[in-house]
All heavy atoms as atom14 arrays in JSON, in Angstrom:
{
  "sequence": "TAVSQCPRQKEVLLGYSQGAEVSMDVTAGNAEDGGTVAAVSTSVSS",
  "atom14_mask": [
    [1, 1, 1, 1, 1, 1, 1, 0, 0, 0, 0, 0, 0, 0],
    [1, 1, 1, 1, 1, 0, 0, 0, 0, 0, 0, 0, 0, 0],
    [1, 1, 1, 1, 1, 1, 1, 0, 0, 0, 0, 0, 0, 0],
    [1, 1, 1, 1, 1, 1, 0, 0, 0, 0, 0, 0, 0, 0],
    [1, 1, 1, 1, 1, 1, 1, 1, 1, 0, 0, 0, 0, 0],
    [1, 1, 1, 1, 1, 1, 0, 0, 0, 0, 0, 0, 0, 0],
    [1, 1, 1, 1, 1, 1, 1, 0, 0, 0, 0, 0, 0, 0],
    [1, 1, 1, 1, 1, 1, 1, 1, 1, 1, 1, 0, 0, 0],
    [1, 1, 1, 1, 1, 1, 1, 1, 1, 0, 0, 0, 0, 0],
    [1, 1, 1, 1, 1, 1, 1, 1, 1, 0, 0, 0, 0, 0],
    [1, 1, 1, 1, 1, 1, 1, 1, 1, 0, 0, 0, 0, 0],
    [1, 1, 1, 1, 1, 1, 1, 0, 0, 0, 0, 0, 0, 0],
    [1, 1, 1, 1, 1, 1, 1, 1, 0, 0, 0, 0, 0, 0],
    [1, 1, 1, 1, 1, 1, 1, 1, 0, 0, 0, 0, 0, 0],
    [1, 1, 1, 1, 0, 0, 0, 0, 0, 0, 0, 0, 0, 0],
    [1, 1, 1, 1, 1, 1, 1, 1, 1, 1, 1, 1, 0, 0],
    [1, 1, 1, 1, 1, 1, 0, 0, 0, 0, 0, 0, 0, 0],
    [1, 1, 1, 1, 1, 1, 1, 1, 1, 0, 0, 0, 0, 0],
    [1, 1, 1, 1, 0, 0, 0, 0, 0, 0, 0, 0, 0, 0],
    [1, 1, 1, 1, 1, 0, 0, 0, 0, 0, 0, 0, 0, 0],
    [1, 1, 1, 1, 1, 1, 1, 1, 1, 0, 0, 0, 0, 0],
    [1, 1, 1, 1, 1, 1, 1, 0, 0, 0, 0, 0, 0, 0],
    [1, 1, 1, 1, 1, 1, 0, 0, 0, 0, 0, 0, 0, 0],
    [1, 1, 1, 1, 1, 1, 1, 1, 0, 0, 0, 0, 0, 0],
    [1, 1, 1, 1, 1, 1, 1, 1, 0, 0, 0, 0, 0, 0],
    [1, 1, 1, 1, 1, 1, 1, 0, 0, 0, 0, 0, 0, 0],
    [1, 1, 1, 1, 1, 1, 1, 0, 0, 0, 0, 0, 0, 0],
    [1, 1, 1, 1, 1, 0, 0, 0, 0, 0, 0, 0, 0, 0],
    [1, 1, 1, 1, 0, 0, 0, 0, 0, 0, 0, 0, 0, 0],
    [1, 1, 1, 1, 1, 1, 1, 1, 0, 0, 0, 0, 0, 0],
    [1, 1, 1, 1, 1, 0, 0, 0, 0, 0, 0, 0, 0, 0],
    [1, 1, 1, 1, 1, 1, 1, 1, 1, 0, 0, 0, 0, 0],
    [1, 1, 1, 1, 1, 1, 1, 1, 0, 0, 0, 0, 0, 0],
    [1, 1, 1, 1, 0, 0, 0, 0, 0, 0, 0, 0, 0, 0],
    [1, 1, 1, 1, 0, 0, 0, 0, 0, 0, 0, 0, 0, 0],
    [1, 1, 1, 1, 1, 1, 1, 0, 0, 0, 0, 0, 0, 0],
    [1, 1, 1, 1, 1, 1, 1, 0, 0, 0, 0, 0, 0, 0],
    [1, 1, 1, 1, 1, 0, 0, 0, 0, 0, 0, 0, 0, 0],
    [1, 1, 1, 1, 1, 0, 0, 0, 0, 0, 0, 0, 0, 0],
    [1, 1, 1, 1, 1, 1, 1, 0, 0, 0, 0, 0, 0, 0],
    [1, 1, 1, 1, 1, 1, 0, 0, 0, 0, 0, 0, 0, 0],
    [1, 1, 1, 1, 1, 1, 1, 0, 0, 0, 0, 0, 0, 0],
    [1, 1, 1, 1, 1, 1, 0, 0, 0, 0, 0, 0, 0, 0],
    [1, 1, 1, 1, 1, 1, 1, 0, 0, 0, 0, 0, 0, 0],
    [1, 1, 1, 1, 1, 1, 0, 0, 0, 0, 0, 0, 0, 0],
    [1, 1, 1, 1, 1, 1, 0, 0, 0, 0, 0, 0, 0, 0]
  ],
  "atom14_positions": [
    [[85.69, 39.95, 142.93], [84.9, 40.48, 144.12], [85.66, 40.3, 145.41], [85.66, 41.3, 146.28], [83.5, 39.85, 144.24], [82.93, 39.93, 142.92], [82.66, 40.41, 145.34], [0.0, 0.0, 0.0], [0.0, 0.0, 0.0], [0.0, 0.0, 0.0], [0.0, 0.0, 0.0], [0.0, 0.0, 0.0], [0.0, 0.0, 0.0], [0.0, 0.0, 0.0]],
    [[86.13, 39.15, 145.72], [86.88, 38.98, 146.99], [88.09, 39.85, 147.07], [88.26, 40.44, 148.11], [87.31, 37.43, 146.97], [0.0, 0.0, 0.0], [0.0, 0.0, 0.0], [0.0, 0.0, 0.0], [0.0, 0.0, 0.0], [0.0, 0.0, 0.0], [0.0, 0.0, 0.0], [0.0, 0.0, 0.0], [0.0, 0.0, 0.0], [0.0, 0.0, 0.0]],
    [[88.82, 40.04, 145.97], [90.02, 40.83, 146.03], [89.59, 42.29, 146.19], [90.34, 43.03, 146.95], [90.83, 40.7, 144.78], [91.99, 41.71, 144.52], [91.53, 39.25, 144.77], [0.0, 0.0, 0.0], [0.0, 0.0, 0.0], [0.0, 0.0, 0.0], [0.0, 0.0, 0.0], [0.0, 0.0, 0.0], [0.0, 0.0, 0.0], [0.0, 0.0, 0.0]],
    [[88.63, 42.71, 145.53], [88.22, 44.15, 145.78], [87.67, 44.48, 147.08], [87.84, 45.47, 147.69], [87.21, 44.51, 144.68], [86.02, 43.9, 144.83], [0.0, 0.0, 0.0], [0.0, 0.0, 0.0], [0.0, 0.0, 0.0], [0.0, 0.0, 0.0], [0.0, 0.0, 0.0], [0.0, 0.0, 0.0], [0.0, 0.0, 0.0], [0.0, 0.0, 0.0]],
    [[86.99, 43.5, 147.71], [86.32, 43.71, 148.99], [87.26, 43.49, 150.17], [87.18, 44.03, 151.21], [85.1, 42.81, 149.15], [83.9, 43.23, 148.23], [82.74, 42.24, 148.47], [82.74, 41.33, 149.08], [81.66, 42.8, 147.83], [0.0, 0.0, 0.0], [0.0, 0.0, 0.0], [0.0, 0.0, 0.0], [0.0, 0.0, 0.0], [0.0, 0.0, 0.0]],
    [[88.27, 42.6, 149.98], [89.21, 42.21, 151.02], [90.57, 42.13, 150.4], [91.18, 40.99, 150.2], [88.83, 40.9, 151.63], [87.15, 40.89, 152.51], [0.0, 0.0, 0.0], [0.0, 0.0, 0.0], [0.0, 0.0, 0.0], [0.0, 0.0, 0.0], [0.0, 0.0, 0.0], [0.0, 0.0, 0.0], [0.0, 0.0, 0.0], [0.0, 0.0, 0.0]],
    [[91.2, 43.26, 149.99], [92.43, 43.28, 149.33], [93.66, 42.61, 150.08], [94.6, 42.26, 149.49], [92.73, 44.73, 148.98], [91.9, 45.46, 149.92], [90.7, 44.67, 150.24], [0.0, 0.0, 0.0], [0.0, 0.0, 0.0], [0.0, 0.0, 0.0], [0.0, 0.0, 0.0], [0.0, 0.0, 0.0], [0.0, 0.0, 0.0], [0.0, 0.0, 0.0]],
    [[93.62, 42.56, 151.3], [94.79, 41.85, 152.15], [94.48, 40.44, 152.27], [95.31, 39.8, 152.98], [94.87, 42.62, 153.51], [95.41, 44.05, 153.22], [95.73, 44.8, 154.41], [95.62, 44.16, 155.71], [95.13, 44.73, 156.78], [95.02, 45.99, 156.86], [95.13, 43.98, 157.88], [0.0, 0.0, 0.0], [0.0, 0.0, 0.0], [0.0, 0.0, 0.0]],
    [[93.3, 39.89, 152.01], [92.96, 38.45, 152.13], [93.74, 37.69, 151.05], [93.8, 38.04, 149.96], [91.48, 38.35, 151.99], [90.93, 36.91, 152.05], [89.51, 36.94, 152.14], [88.9, 37.19, 153.17], [88.93, 36.55, 151.02], [0.0, 0.0, 0.0], [0.0, 0.0, 0.0], [0.0, 0.0, 0.0], [0.0, 0.0, 0.0], [0.0, 0.0, 0.0]],
    [[94.11, 36.45, 151.41], [94.69, 35.55, 150.51], [93.66, 34.53, 150.08], [92.72, 34.14, 150.87], [95.86, 34.79, 151.16], [97.12, 35.6, 151.35], [97.54, 36.13, 149.95], [98.88, 36.91, 150.13], [99.34, 37.41, 148.77], [0.0, 0.0, 0.0], [0.0, 0.0, 0.0], [0.0, 0.0, 0.0], [0.0, 0.0, 0.0], [0.0, 0.0, 0.0]],
    [[93.71, 33.96, 148.87], [92.74, 33.06, 148.36], [93.34, 31.74, 148.19], [94.39, 31.61, 147.76], [92.19, 33.64, 147.06], [91.59, 35.04, 146.95], [90.38, 35.2, 147.92], [89.57, 34.32, 148.05], [90.23, 36.31, 148.5], [0.0, 0.0, 0.0], [0.0, 0.0, 0.0], [0.0, 0.0, 0.0], [0.0, 0.0, 0.0], [0.0, 0.0, 0.0]],
    [[92.52, 30.7, 148.38], [92.76, 29.27, 148.21], [91.8, 28.65, 147.25], [90.66, 28.8, 147.59], [93.01, 28.54, 149.48], [93.29, 27.06, 149.19], [94.08, 29.06, 150.34], [0.0, 0.0, 0.0], [0.0, 0.0, 0.0], [0.0, 0.0, 0.0], [0.0, 0.0, 0.0], [0.0, 0.0, 0.0], [0.0, 0.0, 0.0], [0.0, 0.0, 0.0]],
    [[92.11, 28.05, 146.2], [91.24, 27.44, 145.22], [91.35, 25.91, 145.35], [92.44, 25.36, 145.39], [91.59, 27.82, 143.81], [91.73, 29.34, 143.5], [92.09, 29.4, 141.98], [90.45, 30.08, 143.83], [0.0, 0.0, 0.0], [0.0, 0.0, 0.0], [0.0, 0.0, 0.0], [0.0, 0.0, 0.0], [0.0, 0.0, 0.0], [0.0, 0.0, 0.0]],
    [[90.1, 25.3, 145.51], [90.06, 23.92, 145.59], [89.12, 23.41, 144.51], [88.06, 24.0, 144.25], [89.44, 23.58, 146.9], [90.11, 23.96, 148.19], [89.27, 23.6, 149.36], [91.51, 23.42, 148.21], [0.0, 0.0, 0.0], [0.0, 0.0, 0.0], [0.0, 0.0, 0.0], [0.0, 0.0, 0.0], [0.0, 0.0, 0.0], [0.0, 0.0, 0.0]],
    [[89.45, 22.28, 143.78], [88.64, 21.72, 142.76], [88.72, 20.35, 142.6], [89.76, 19.76, 142.7], [0.0, 0.0, 0.0], [0.0, 0.0, 0.0], [0.0, 0.0, 0.0], [0.0, 0.0, 0.0], [0.0, 0.0, 0.0], [0.0, 0.0, 0.0], [0.0, 0.0, 0.0], [0.0, 0.0, 0.0], [0.0, 0.0, 0.0], [0.0, 0.0, 0.0]],
    [[87.64, 19.69, 142.24], [87.63, 18.31, 141.9], [86.93, 18.08, 140.51], [85.83, 18.7, 140.28], [86.91, 17.53, 142.98], [86.69, 16.05, 142.49], [87.82, 15.14, 142.59], [85.53, 15.45, 142.05], [87.65, 13.8, 142.16], [85.25, 14.17, 141.66], [86.48, 13.29, 141.66], [86.32, 12.06, 141.34], [0.0, 0.0, 0.0], [0.0, 0.0, 0.0]],
    [[87.44, 17.41, 139.57], [87.0, 16.98, 138.34], [86.76, 18.32, 137.57], [87.63, 19.1, 137.42], [85.74, 16.17, 138.49], [85.41, 15.7, 137.24], [0.0, 0.0, 0.0], [0.0, 0.0, 0.0], [0.0, 0.0, 0.0], [0.0, 0.0, 0.0], [0.0, 0.0, 0.0], [0.0, 0.0, 0.0], [0.0, 0.0, 0.0], [0.0, 0.0, 0.0]],
    [[85.5, 18.67, 137.07], [85.32, 19.91, 136.32], [85.74, 21.03, 137.21], [86.21, 22.09, 136.57], [83.89, 19.94, 135.91], [83.58, 21.06, 134.83], [82.25, 20.98, 134.39], [81.47, 21.83, 134.59], [81.77, 19.87, 133.84], [0.0, 0.0, 0.0], [0.0, 0.0, 0.0], [0.0, 0.0, 0.0], [0.0, 0.0, 0.0], [0.0, 0.0, 0.0]],
    [[85.55, 21.04, 138.49], [86.0, 22.12, 139.27], [87.44, 22.32, 139.28], [87.92, 23.48, 139.36], [0.0, 0.0, 0.0], [0.0, 0.0, 0.0], [0.0, 0.0, 0.0], [0.0, 0.0, 0.0], [0.0, 0.0, 0.0], [0.0, 0.0, 0.0], [0.0, 0.0, 0.0], [0.0, 0.0, 0.0], [0.0, 0.0, 0.0], [0.0, 0.0, 0.0]],
    [[88.16, 21.26, 139.17], [89.62, 21.41, 139.0], [90.09, 22.09, 137.7], [90.95, 22.97, 137.74], [90.29, 20.0, 139.11], [0.0, 0.0, 0.0], [0.0, 0.0, 0.0], [0.0, 0.0, 0.0], [0.0, 0.0, 0.0], [0.0, 0.0, 0.0], [0.0, 0.0, 0.0], [0.0, 0.0, 0.0], [0.0, 0.0, 0.0], [0.0, 0.0, 0.0]],
    [[89.28, 21.78, 136.74], [89.59, 22.24, 135.41], [89.24, 23.78, 135.37], [89.87, 24.66, 134.89], [88.91, 21.53, 134.26], [89.19, 22.01, 132.9], [88.65, 21.15, 131.8], [87.93, 20.13, 132.02], [88.9, 21.53, 130.63], [0.0, 0.0, 0.0], [0.0, 0.0, 0.0], [0.0, 0.0, 0.0], [0.0, 0.0, 0.0], [0.0, 0.0, 0.0]],
    [[88.1, 24.17, 136.05], [87.68, 25.46, 136.22], [88.74, 26.3, 136.88], [89.17, 27.36, 136.39], [86.39, 25.6, 136.95], [86.07, 27.11, 137.44], [85.19, 25.11, 136.05], [0.0, 0.0, 0.0], [0.0, 0.0, 0.0], [0.0, 0.0, 0.0], [0.0, 0.0, 0.0], [0.0, 0.0, 0.0], [0.0, 0.0, 0.0], [0.0, 0.0, 0.0]],
    [[89.22, 25.81, 138.06], [90.25, 26.64, 138.79], [91.48, 26.78, 138.12], [92.19, 27.88, 138.14], [90.4, 26.05, 140.13], [90.93, 24.76, 140.16], [0.0, 0.0, 0.0], [0.0, 0.0, 0.0], [0.0, 0.0, 0.0], [0.0, 0.0, 0.0], [0.0, 0.0, 0.0], [0.0, 0.0, 0.0], [0.0, 0.0, 0.0], [0.0, 0.0, 0.0]],
    [[91.93, 25.76, 137.36], [93.17, 25.93, 136.56], [92.96, 26.76, 135.44], [93.87, 27.61, 135.04], [93.62, 24.49, 136.05], [94.12, 23.54, 137.18], [95.34, 24.39, 138.27], [96.64, 24.7, 137.1], [0.0, 0.0, 0.0], [0.0, 0.0, 0.0], [0.0, 0.0, 0.0], [0.0, 0.0, 0.0], [0.0, 0.0, 0.0], [0.0, 0.0, 0.0]],
    [[91.77, 26.76, 134.73], [91.61, 27.76, 133.7], [91.42, 29.13, 134.13], [91.9, 30.02, 133.33], [90.33, 27.32, 132.81], [90.49, 26.09, 131.98], [91.68, 25.57, 131.96], [89.56, 25.67, 131.23], [0.0, 0.0, 0.0], [0.0, 0.0, 0.0], [0.0, 0.0, 0.0], [0.0, 0.0, 0.0], [0.0, 0.0, 0.0], [0.0, 0.0, 0.0]],
    [[90.98, 29.36, 135.28], [90.91, 30.68, 135.81], [92.27, 31.17, 136.04], [92.61, 32.36, 135.77], [90.04, 30.78, 137.22], [90.27, 32.08, 137.93], [88.62, 30.56, 136.88], [0.0, 0.0, 0.0], [0.0, 0.0, 0.0], [0.0, 0.0, 0.0], [0.0, 0.0, 0.0], [0.0, 0.0, 0.0], [0.0, 0.0, 0.0], [0.0, 0.0, 0.0]],
    [[93.23, 30.37, 136.58], [94.61, 30.93, 136.94], [95.54, 30.89, 135.85], [96.44, 31.77, 135.81], [95.04, 30.1, 138.17], [95.07, 28.66, 137.8], [94.15, 30.25, 139.4], [0.0, 0.0, 0.0], [0.0, 0.0, 0.0], [0.0, 0.0, 0.0], [0.0, 0.0, 0.0], [0.0, 0.0, 0.0], [0.0, 0.0, 0.0], [0.0, 0.0, 0.0]],
    [[95.41, 29.87, 135.07], [96.43, 29.7, 133.86], [95.83, 29.92, 132.56], [96.7, 29.87, 131.48], [96.99, 28.28, 134.07], [0.0, 0.0, 0.0], [0.0, 0.0, 0.0], [0.0, 0.0, 0.0], [0.0, 0.0, 0.0], [0.0, 0.0, 0.0], [0.0, 0.0, 0.0], [0.0, 0.0, 0.0], [0.0, 0.0, 0.0], [0.0, 0.0, 0.0]],
    [[94.63, 30.02, 132.37], [94.06, 30.16, 131.01], [93.67, 28.87, 130.54], [94.04, 27.84, 131.11], [0.0, 0.0, 0.0], [0.0, 0.0, 0.0], [0.0, 0.0, 0.0], [0.0, 0.0, 0.0], [0.0, 0.0, 0.0], [0.0, 0.0, 0.0], [0.0, 0.0, 0.0], [0.0, 0.0, 0.0], [0.0, 0.0, 0.0], [0.0, 0.0, 0.0]],
    [[92.84, 28.67, 129.48], [92.34, 27.53, 128.99], [93.44, 27.05, 127.93], [93.63, 27.69, 126.9], [90.98, 27.73, 128.24], [90.51, 26.52, 127.58], [91.15, 25.84, 126.76], [89.34, 26.06, 128.0], [0.0, 0.0, 0.0], [0.0, 0.0, 0.0], [0.0, 0.0, 0.0], [0.0, 0.0, 0.0], [0.0, 0.0, 0.0], [0.0, 0.0, 0.0]],
    [[94.12, 25.97, 128.2], [95.17, 25.35, 127.41], [94.77, 24.2, 126.6], [95.53, 23.83, 125.75], [96.19, 25.05, 128.33], [0.0, 0.0, 0.0], [0.0, 0.0, 0.0], [0.0, 0.0, 0.0], [0.0, 0.0, 0.0], [0.0, 0.0, 0.0], [0.0, 0.0, 0.0], [0.0, 0.0, 0.0], [0.0, 0.0, 0.0], [0.0, 0.0, 0.0]],
    [[93.51, 23.67, 126.68], [93.19, 22.61, 125.88], [93.2, 23.12, 124.4], [93.12, 24.2, 124.18], [91.76, 22.14, 126.26], [91.7, 21.41, 127.54], [91.44, 22.47, 128.73], [91.43, 23.59, 128.56], [91.3, 21.97, 129.88], [0.0, 0.0, 0.0], [0.0, 0.0, 0.0], [0.0, 0.0, 0.0], [0.0, 0.0, 0.0], [0.0, 0.0, 0.0]],
    [[93.26, 22.06, 123.55], [93.24, 22.42, 122.12], [92.06, 23.4, 121.73], [90.85, 23.0, 122.06], [93.18, 21.12, 121.28], [94.44, 20.41, 121.36], [95.62, 20.95, 121.51], [94.31, 19.11, 121.46], [0.0, 0.0, 0.0], [0.0, 0.0, 0.0], [0.0, 0.0, 0.0], [0.0, 0.0, 0.0], [0.0, 0.0, 0.0], [0.0, 0.0, 0.0]],
    [[92.37, 24.51, 121.15], [91.21, 25.47, 120.73], [90.79, 26.33, 121.92], [89.83, 26.87, 121.73], [0.0, 0.0, 0.0], [0.0, 0.0, 0.0], [0.0, 0.0, 0.0], [0.0, 0.0, 0.0], [0.0, 0.0, 0.0], [0.0, 0.0, 0.0], [0.0, 0.0, 0.0], [0.0, 0.0, 0.0], [0.0, 0.0, 0.0], [0.0, 0.0, 0.0]],
    [[91.35, 26.21, 122.98], [90.98, 27.02, 124.15], [91.03, 28.49, 123.99], [91.81, 29.01, 123.23], [0.0, 0.0, 0.0], [0.0, 0.0, 0.0], [0.0, 0.0, 0.0], [0.0, 0.0, 0.0], [0.0, 0.0, 0.0], [0.0, 0.0, 0.0], [0.0, 0.0, 0.0], [0.0, 0.0, 0.0], [0.0, 0.0, 0.0], [0.0, 0.0, 0.0]],
    [[89.91, 29.16, 124.53], [89.84, 30.57, 124.26], [89.85, 31.37, 125.57], [89.46, 32.63, 125.57], [88.61, 30.93, 123.51], [87.49, 30.46, 124.21], [88.7, 30.32, 122.15], [0.0, 0.0, 0.0], [0.0, 0.0, 0.0], [0.0, 0.0, 0.0], [0.0, 0.0, 0.0], [0.0, 0.0, 0.0], [0.0, 0.0, 0.0], [0.0, 0.0, 0.0]],
    [[89.91, 30.81, 126.76], [89.88, 31.57, 128.0], [91.24, 31.94, 128.42], [92.26, 31.23, 128.55], [89.24, 30.52, 129.12], [89.24, 31.19, 130.43], [87.93, 30.09, 128.83], [0.0, 0.0, 0.0], [0.0, 0.0, 0.0], [0.0, 0.0, 0.0], [0.0, 0.0, 0.0], [0.0, 0.0, 0.0], [0.0, 0.0, 0.0], [0.0, 0.0, 0.0]],
    [[91.25, 33.27, 128.75], [92.59, 33.93, 129.28], [92.66, 33.79, 130.74], [91.63, 33.68, 131.41], [92.58, 35.38, 128.83], [0.0, 0.0, 0.0], [0.0, 0.0, 0.0], [0.0, 0.0, 0.0], [0.0, 0.0, 0.0], [0.0, 0.0, 0.0], [0.0, 0.0, 0.0], [0.0, 0.0, 0.0], [0.0, 0.0, 0.0], [0.0, 0.0, 0.0]],
    [[93.8, 33.75, 131.25], [94.1, 33.66, 132.7], [93.62, 34.94, 133.33], [93.67, 36.08, 132.69], [95.59, 33.4, 132.87], [0.0, 0.0, 0.0], [0.0, 0.0, 0.0], [0.0, 0.0, 0.0], [0.0, 0.0, 0.0], [0.0, 0.0, 0.0], [0.0, 0.0, 0.0], [0.0, 0.0, 0.0], [0.0, 0.0, 0.0], [0.0, 0.0, 0.0]],
    [[93.17, 34.9, 134.57], [92.77, 36.11, 135.34], [94.01, 36.9, 135.42], [95.14, 36.5, 135.36], [92.27, 35.63, 136.69], [93.37, 35.18, 137.59], [91.52, 36.75, 137.33], [0.0, 0.0, 0.0], [0.0, 0.0, 0.0], [0.0, 0.0, 0.0], [0.0, 0.0, 0.0], [0.0, 0.0, 0.0], [0.0, 0.0, 0.0], [0.0, 0.0, 0.0]],
    [[93.83, 38.28, 135.47], [95.02, 39.17, 135.57], [95.88, 39.02, 136.87], [95.31, 38.42, 137.8], [94.41, 40.62, 135.65], [93.8, 40.92, 136.86], [0.0, 0.0, 0.0], [0.0, 0.0, 0.0], [0.0, 0.0, 0.0], [0.0, 0.0, 0.0], [0.0, 0.0, 0.0], [0.0, 0.0, 0.0], [0.0, 0.0, 0.0], [0.0, 0.0, 0.0]],
    [[97.17, 39.4, 136.78], [98.02, 39.13, 137.87], [97.61, 40.05, 139.03], [97.93, 39.66, 140.18], [99.42, 39.53, 137.5], [99.46, 40.84, 136.94], [99.95, 38.56, 136.56], [0.0, 0.0, 0.0], [0.0, 0.0, 0.0], [0.0, 0.0, 0.0], [0.0, 0.0, 0.0], [0.0, 0.0, 0.0], [0.0, 0.0, 0.0], [0.0, 0.0, 0.0]],
    [[96.8, 41.08, 138.87], [96.35, 41.83, 140.03], [95.36, 41.06, 140.8], [95.17, 41.32, 142.1], [95.63, 43.21, 139.58], [94.49, 42.89, 138.8], [0.0, 0.0, 0.0], [0.0, 0.0, 0.0], [0.0, 0.0, 0.0], [0.0, 0.0, 0.0], [0.0, 0.0, 0.0], [0.0, 0.0, 0.0], [0.0, 0.0, 0.0], [0.0, 0.0, 0.0]],
    [[94.78, 40.06, 140.28], [93.93, 39.12, 140.98], [94.64, 37.9, 141.45], [94.61, 37.51, 142.48], [92.7, 38.75, 140.22], [91.8, 37.8, 140.78], [91.83, 39.92, 139.81], [0.0, 0.0, 0.0], [0.0, 0.0, 0.0], [0.0, 0.0, 0.0], [0.0, 0.0, 0.0], [0.0, 0.0, 0.0], [0.0, 0.0, 0.0], [0.0, 0.0, 0.0]],
    [[95.37, 37.26, 140.46], [96.05, 35.96, 140.73], [97.17, 36.2, 141.9], [97.44, 35.18, 142.46], [96.71, 35.36, 139.59], [97.67, 36.23, 138.95], [0.0, 0.0, 0.0], [0.0, 0.0, 0.0], [0.0, 0.0, 0.0], [0.0, 0.0, 0.0], [0.0, 0.0, 0.0], [0.0, 0.0, 0.0], [0.0, 0.0, 0.0], [0.0, 0.0, 0.0]],
    [[97.6, 37.32, 142.1], [98.67, 37.55, 143.12], [98.13, 37.34, 144.42], [98.91, 37.24, 145.4], [99.28, 38.91, 143.02], [98.29, 40.03, 143.14], [0.0, 0.0, 0.0], [0.0, 0.0, 0.0], [0.0, 0.0, 0.0], [0.0, 0.0, 0.0], [0.0, 0.0, 0.0], [0.0, 0.0, 0.0], [0.0, 0.0, 0.0], [0.0, 0.0, 0.0]]
  ]
}
């Protein structure tokens, strides 16, 4: 939503504990054993 509404805006992700795991799984995909979450597309992560 942020990228589509403000395409020139840069994003900064902050996370602590479970929030840190959430932000890493969004950007890098879920890498824990048996993980099934794919990383967000490069059109967003860029």
